[in-house]
Every structure is written in structure tokens, then in C-alpha cells.
Amino acid sequence: MVKRSFVLIISIIISITTVGCSNVANKNDEIKSETEHQVNKWKESPLFEYGGYTMIGEEGRLGFIYDDSENLRFYPNKTQKYMWHFWGDDEEFNGNLKVIATYEKEEEKITVVEGGLGGAHNGADRHAPSNMSLPKSGMWKLDAYIGDKLFGTVFVKVH
């Protein structure tokens, strides 16, 4: 009887320890995954082809005409023309466009685009011409809001 109780107590302790350790391991994996996501989020967005144009952004969601050539690259304080394109449902396009740029190193935020949206263009559901300039070299996150809702994000490098 004592031996059986002893075995039962040891089994319970081992079970608790195993569950506790696996929860810690899972939590560590979640933290590691979140940290990797934070590091990876500041990579330049991919280029994609659409309607005969090369764009940067999220294919099928948002992007602007950009091919990483000398003429279209971002350089500090150099204003360039970029045509934004958006794909989505009609109800997502209620409101004006506002693009807020965040600088990677200092979390500095500036508004780089504000205005209305045009209709369908180059195969996209909506479009918006823009003149954008970013003040510092490095990575920038461009959050595009339509109305008060985040529509999508594009990451660019300022050379």
C-alpha cells in the first residue's frame, strides 16, 4: 500500500514537471517566433509583376510601380512619383488614403501620402498617384490606411 502510494505520488510529480516544462518550451517557442517575426518584418517587400508593370508590395493586395532601378529608388529627401494600386472589395475603399511611414531605427513616423482614391486602373480595383519622399537612408515601413483601417504595408529601402 505504501509502495503503491509512493509510485502514485512520483507519477504525479513527473506528470506535473513534464507539463510545466512543455508549457515553458512552448512559451519559449512563441517568444522565439515573435522575435524572428520582428526581425523579418523589416525586409524590403517583394517585387511582383502585374498589368505589364513591376510593383513593390503585397501581390493581390497593394503595391506601387517600382522596379528598384536608379530612377525609381528611394534616396533621402528626393521626391519621386509613384502610382499606388489596391485590390479588394468595394466596402474596403470607404475613405481617403493615408500612408504613414515609420523609420526602422528610431520608430519615427511621418505622413507621406494623403488624398482620395481613383477608380480601377492597370487591373487594380483602385489607384492613387503620389509623390513620396523619405528623409533618411535605411528601412521604412509604409502603412497604407483607407479611412481609419490599415489596408496593408509595404517595406522599402532608402539608399
C-alpha atoms as a PDB file:
ATOM      1  CA  MET A   1       0.000   0.000   0.000  1.00  0.00           C
ATOM      2  CA  VAL A   2       2.793   2.459   0.932  1.00  0.00           C
ATOM      3  CA  LYS A   3       4.742   1.422  -2.134  1.00  0.00           C
ATOM      4  CA  ARG A   4       1.687   1.972  -4.359  1.00  0.00           C
ATOM      5  CA  SER A   5       1.092   5.474  -2.867  1.00  0.00           C
ATOM      6  CA  PHE A   6       4.756   6.318  -3.317  1.00  0.00           C
ATOM      7  CA  VAL A   7       4.632   5.292  -7.004  1.00  0.00           C
ATOM      8  CA  LEU A   8       1.432   7.320  -7.478  1.00  0.00           C
ATOM      9  CA  ILE A   9       2.994  10.440  -5.899  1.00  0.00           C
ATOM     10  CA  ILE A  10       6.149  10.095  -8.024  1.00  0.00           C
ATOM     11  CA  SER A  11       3.996   9.661 -11.167  1.00  0.00           C
ATOM     12  CA  ILE A  12       2.027  12.823 -10.345  1.00  0.00           C
ATOM     13  CA  ILE A  13       5.236  14.818  -9.757  1.00  0.00           C
ATOM     14  CA  ILE A  14       6.703  13.612 -13.056  1.00  0.00           C
ATOM     15  CA  SER A  15       3.461  14.479 -14.901  1.00  0.00           C
ATOM     16  CA  ILE A  16       3.343  17.982 -13.426  1.00  0.00           C
ATOM     17  CA  THR A  17       7.017  18.577 -14.180  1.00  0.00           C
ATOM     18  CA  THR A  18       6.626  17.343 -17.756  1.00  0.00           C
ATOM     19  CA  VAL A  19       3.547  19.504 -18.406  1.00  0.00           C
ATOM     20  CA  GLY A  20       5.232  22.535 -16.805  1.00  0.00           C
ATOM     21  CA  CYS A  21       8.383  22.063 -18.868  1.00  0.00           C
ATOM     22  CA  SER A  22       6.455  21.642 -22.089  1.00  0.00           C
ATOM     23  CA  ASN A  23       4.486  24.831 -21.346  1.00  0.00           C
ATOM     24  CA  VAL A  24       7.763  26.685 -20.789  1.00  0.00           C
ATOM     25  CA  ALA A  25       9.153  25.207 -24.008  1.00  0.00           C
ATOM     26  CA  ASN A  26       6.005  26.238 -25.905  1.00  0.00           C
ATOM     27  CA  LYS A  27       6.200  29.752 -24.440  1.00  0.00           C
ATOM     28  CA  ASN A  28       9.885  29.978 -25.409  1.00  0.00           C
ATOM     29  CA  ASP A  29       8.995  28.835 -28.943  1.00  0.00           C
ATOM     30  CA  GLU A  30       6.283  31.533 -29.108  1.00  0.00           C
ATOM     31  CA  ILE A  31       8.727  34.203 -27.926  1.00  0.00           C
ATOM     32  CA  LYS A  32      11.364  32.998 -30.408  1.00  0.00           C
ATOM     33  CA  SER A  33       8.801  33.005 -33.219  1.00  0.00           C
ATOM     34  CA  GLU A  34       7.660  36.551 -32.316  1.00  0.00           C
ATOM     35  CA  THR A  35      11.275  37.748 -32.156  1.00  0.00           C
ATOM     36  CA  GLU A  36      12.020  36.225 -35.573  1.00  0.00           C
ATOM     37  CA  HIS A  37       8.881  37.898 -36.918  1.00  0.00           C
ATOM     38  CA  GLN A  38      10.011  41.268 -35.545  1.00  0.00           C
ATOM     39  CA  VAL A  39      13.435  40.874 -37.213  1.00  0.00           C
ATOM     40  CA  ASN A  40      11.999  39.640 -40.512  1.00  0.00           C
ATOM     41  CA  LYS A  41       9.335  42.316 -40.762  1.00  0.00           C
ATOM     42  CA  TRP A  42      11.895  44.964 -41.756  1.00  0.00           C
ATOM     43  CA  LYS A  43      12.907  43.257 -45.005  1.00  0.00           C
ATOM     44  CA  GLU A  44      12.140  45.058 -48.238  1.00  0.00           C
ATOM     45  CA  SER A  45       8.834  43.935 -49.716  1.00  0.00           C
ATOM     46  CA  PRO A  46       8.991  41.693 -52.764  1.00  0.00           C
ATOM     47  CA  LEU A  47       8.649  42.915 -56.327  1.00  0.00           C
ATOM     48  CA  PHE A  48       5.863  41.451 -58.443  1.00  0.00           C
ATOM     49  CA  GLU A  49       4.590  41.800 -62.000  1.00  0.00           C
ATOM     50  CA  TYR A  50       1.073  42.996 -62.702  1.00  0.00           C
ATOM     51  CA  GLY A  51      -0.530  44.525 -65.774  1.00  0.00           C
ATOM     52  CA  GLY A  52       2.809  44.910 -67.513  1.00  0.00           C
ATOM     53  CA  TYR A  53       4.336  46.806 -64.572  1.00  0.00           C
ATOM     54  CA  THR A  54       6.790  45.834 -61.858  1.00  0.00           C
ATOM     55  CA  MET A  55       5.490  46.762 -58.416  1.00  0.00           C
ATOM     56  CA  ILE A  56       6.625  46.505 -54.828  1.00  0.00           C
ATOM     57  CA  GLY A  57       4.248  45.430 -52.097  1.00  0.00           C
ATOM     58  CA  GLU A  58       1.863  42.590 -51.443  1.00  0.00           C
ATOM     59  CA  GLU A  59       0.707  40.971 -54.660  1.00  0.00           C
ATOM     60  CA  GLY A  60      -3.075  40.925 -54.965  1.00  0.00           C
ATOM     61  CA  ARG A  61      -3.497  43.448 -52.132  1.00  0.00           C
ATOM     62  CA  LEU A  62      -1.461  46.635 -52.602  1.00  0.00           C
ATOM     63  CA  GLY A  63       1.658  47.952 -54.236  1.00  0.00           C
ATOM     64  CA  PHE A  64       3.073  50.776 -56.256  1.00  0.00           C
ATOM     65  CA  ILE A  65       5.000  50.878 -59.517  1.00  0.00           C
ATOM     66  CA  TYR A  66       8.638  50.362 -58.592  1.00  0.00           C
ATOM     67  CA  ASP A  67      11.418  48.289 -60.127  1.00  0.00           C
ATOM     68  CA  ASP A  68      14.410  49.154 -57.897  1.00  0.00           C
ATOM     69  CA  SER A  69      16.098  50.961 -60.792  1.00  0.00           C
ATOM     70  CA  GLU A  70      18.239  54.045 -60.238  1.00  0.00           C
ATOM     71  CA  ASN A  71      15.360  56.207 -61.474  1.00  0.00           C
ATOM     72  CA  LEU A  72      12.733  54.844 -59.072  1.00  0.00           C
ATOM     73  CA  ARG A  73      14.780  54.047 -55.960  1.00  0.00           C
ATOM     74  CA  PHE A  74      14.239  55.999 -52.803  1.00  0.00           C
ATOM     75  CA  TYR A  75      17.040  58.392 -51.857  1.00  0.00           C
ATOM     76  CA  PRO A  76      16.982  60.694 -48.812  1.00  0.00           C
ATOM     77  CA  ASN A  77      14.791  63.762 -49.381  1.00  0.00           C
ATOM     78  CA  LYS A  78      14.317  63.034 -53.098  1.00  0.00           C
ATOM     79  CA  THR A  79      10.673  63.310 -54.137  1.00  0.00           C
ATOM     80  CA  GLN A  80       9.584  60.677 -56.651  1.00  0.00           C
ATOM     81  CA  LYS A  81       6.267  59.891 -58.350  1.00  0.00           C
ATOM     82  CA  TYR A  82       4.722  56.512 -57.514  1.00  0.00           C
ATOM     83  CA  MET A  83       1.372  55.076 -58.611  1.00  0.00           C
ATOM     84  CA  TRP A  84      -0.303  53.064 -55.826  1.00  0.00           C
ATOM     85  CA  HIS A  85      -2.581  50.143 -56.743  1.00  0.00           C
ATOM     86  CA  PHE A  86      -5.107  48.425 -54.467  1.00  0.00           C
ATOM     87  CA  TRP A  87      -7.064  45.192 -54.802  1.00  0.00           C
ATOM     88  CA  GLY A  88     -10.029  44.439 -52.559  1.00  0.00           C
ATOM     89  CA  ASP A  89     -13.770  44.538 -52.020  1.00  0.00           C
ATOM     90  CA  ASP A  90     -15.740  47.747 -52.607  1.00  0.00           C
ATOM     91  CA  GLU A  91     -16.554  48.177 -48.909  1.00  0.00           C
ATOM     92  CA  GLU A  92     -12.822  48.311 -48.095  1.00  0.00           C
ATOM     93  CA  PHE A  93     -12.431  51.505 -50.122  1.00  0.00           C
ATOM     94  CA  ASN A  94     -14.572  53.795 -47.970  1.00  0.00           C
ATOM     95  CA  GLY A  95     -12.492  56.822 -47.112  1.00  0.00           C
ATOM     96  CA  ASN A  96      -9.347  58.576 -48.190  1.00  0.00           C
ATOM     97  CA  LEU A  97      -5.865  57.136 -48.481  1.00  0.00           C
ATOM     98  CA  LYS A  98      -3.241  57.998 -45.896  1.00  0.00           C
ATOM     99  CA  VAL A  99       0.228  56.434 -45.924  1.00  0.00           C
ATOM    100  CA  ILE A 100       2.256  56.693 -42.727  1.00  0.00           C
ATOM    101  CA  ALA A 101       5.970  55.905 -42.964  1.00  0.00           C
ATOM    102  CA  THR A 102       7.866  54.562 -39.946  1.00  0.00           C
ATOM    103  CA  TYR A 103      11.663  54.637 -39.787  1.00  0.00           C
ATOM    104  CA  GLU A 104      13.156  51.369 -38.553  1.00  0.00           C
ATOM    105  CA  LYS A 105      15.927  52.723 -36.351  1.00  0.00           C
ATOM    106  CA  GLU A 106      14.001  55.365 -34.420  1.00  0.00           C
ATOM    107  CA  GLU A 107      10.327  54.451 -34.915  1.00  0.00           C
ATOM    108  CA  GLU A 108       9.961  57.974 -36.357  1.00  0.00           C
ATOM    109  CA  LYS A 109       6.603  58.344 -38.151  1.00  0.00           C
ATOM    110  CA  ILE A 110       5.702  60.763 -40.934  1.00  0.00           C
ATOM    111  CA  THR A 111       2.740  61.052 -43.289  1.00  0.00           C
ATOM    112  CA  VAL A 112       3.924  60.657 -46.889  1.00  0.00           C
ATOM    113  CA  VAL A 113       0.629  60.426 -48.811  1.00  0.00           C
ATOM    114  CA  GLU A 114      -2.847  61.842 -48.193  1.00  0.00           C
ATOM    115  CA  GLY A 115      -5.718  62.044 -50.619  1.00  0.00           C
ATOM    116  CA  GLY A 116      -8.541  60.342 -52.413  1.00  0.00           C
ATOM    117  CA  LEU A 117      -8.591  57.129 -54.380  1.00  0.00           C
ATOM    118  CA  GLY A 118      -9.159  56.839 -58.095  1.00  0.00           C
ATOM    119  CA  GLY A 119     -11.122  54.043 -59.738  1.00  0.00           C
ATOM    120  CA  ALA A 120      -9.879  50.887 -61.386  1.00  0.00           C
ATOM    121  CA  HIS A 121      -6.522  51.248 -63.131  1.00  0.00           C
ATOM    122  CA  ASN A 122      -3.973  48.835 -64.662  1.00  0.00           C
ATOM    123  CA  GLY A 123      -6.117  45.901 -63.474  1.00  0.00           C
ATOM    124  CA  ALA A 124      -6.291  47.079 -59.849  1.00  0.00           C
ATOM    125  CA  ASP A 125      -9.612  47.893 -58.151  1.00  0.00           C
ATOM    126  CA  ARG A 126      -8.413  51.347 -57.061  1.00  0.00           C
ATOM    127  CA  HIS A 127      -5.348  53.520 -57.577  1.00  0.00           C
ATOM    128  CA  ALA A 128      -3.768  56.694 -56.259  1.00  0.00           C
ATOM    129  CA  PRO A 129      -0.949  58.760 -57.757  1.00  0.00           C
ATOM    130  CA  SER A 130       1.534  60.042 -55.202  1.00  0.00           C
ATOM    131  CA  ASN A 131       4.719  61.992 -54.712  1.00  0.00           C
ATOM    132  CA  MET A 132       6.740  60.450 -51.893  1.00  0.00           C
ATOM    133  CA  SER A 133       9.955  61.417 -50.173  1.00  0.00           C
ATOM    134  CA  LEU A 134      11.645  59.798 -47.180  1.00  0.00           C
ATOM    135  CA  PRO A 135      14.246  61.748 -45.192  1.00  0.00           C
ATOM    136  CA  LYS A 136      16.803  59.119 -44.110  1.00  0.00           C
ATOM    137  CA  SER A 137      18.672  56.116 -45.507  1.00  0.00           C
ATOM    138  CA  GLY A 138      17.592  52.738 -44.174  1.00  0.00           C
ATOM    139  CA  MET A 139      14.413  50.690 -43.994  1.00  0.00           C
ATOM    140  CA  TRP A 140      10.972  52.269 -43.853  1.00  0.00           C
ATOM    141  CA  LYS A 141       7.561  50.706 -43.281  1.00  0.00           C
ATOM    142  CA  LEU A 142       4.744  52.306 -45.308  1.00  0.00           C
ATOM    143  CA  ASP A 143       1.357  51.622 -43.679  1.00  0.00           C
ATOM    144  CA  ALA A 144      -1.484  52.393 -46.095  1.00  0.00           C
ATOM    145  CA  TYR A 145      -4.760  53.308 -44.406  1.00  0.00           C
ATOM    146  CA  ILE A 146      -8.050  53.695 -46.225  1.00  0.00           C
ATOM    147  CA  GLY A 147     -10.371  55.601 -43.966  1.00  0.00           C
ATOM    148  CA  ASP A 148      -9.241  54.629 -40.487  1.00  0.00           C
ATOM    149  CA  LYS A 149      -8.399  50.990 -41.326  1.00  0.00           C
ATOM    150  CA  LEU A 150      -4.978  49.607 -42.159  1.00  0.00           C
ATOM    151  CA  PHE A 151      -5.223  48.243 -45.694  1.00  0.00           C
ATOM    152  CA  GLY A 152      -1.667  46.892 -45.979  1.00  0.00           C
ATOM    153  CA  THR A 153       2.022  47.550 -45.541  1.00  0.00           C
ATOM    154  CA  VAL A 154       4.965  47.951 -47.909  1.00  0.00           C
ATOM    155  CA  PHE A 155       8.601  47.936 -46.744  1.00  0.00           C
ATOM    156  CA  VAL A 156      11.110  49.977 -48.744  1.00  0.00           C
ATOM    157  CA  LYS A 157      14.790  50.728 -48.546  1.00  0.00           C
ATOM    158  CA  VAL A 158      16.086  54.267 -48.857  1.00  0.00           C
ATOM    159  CA  HIS A 159      19.527  54.096 -50.478  1.00  0.00           C
END
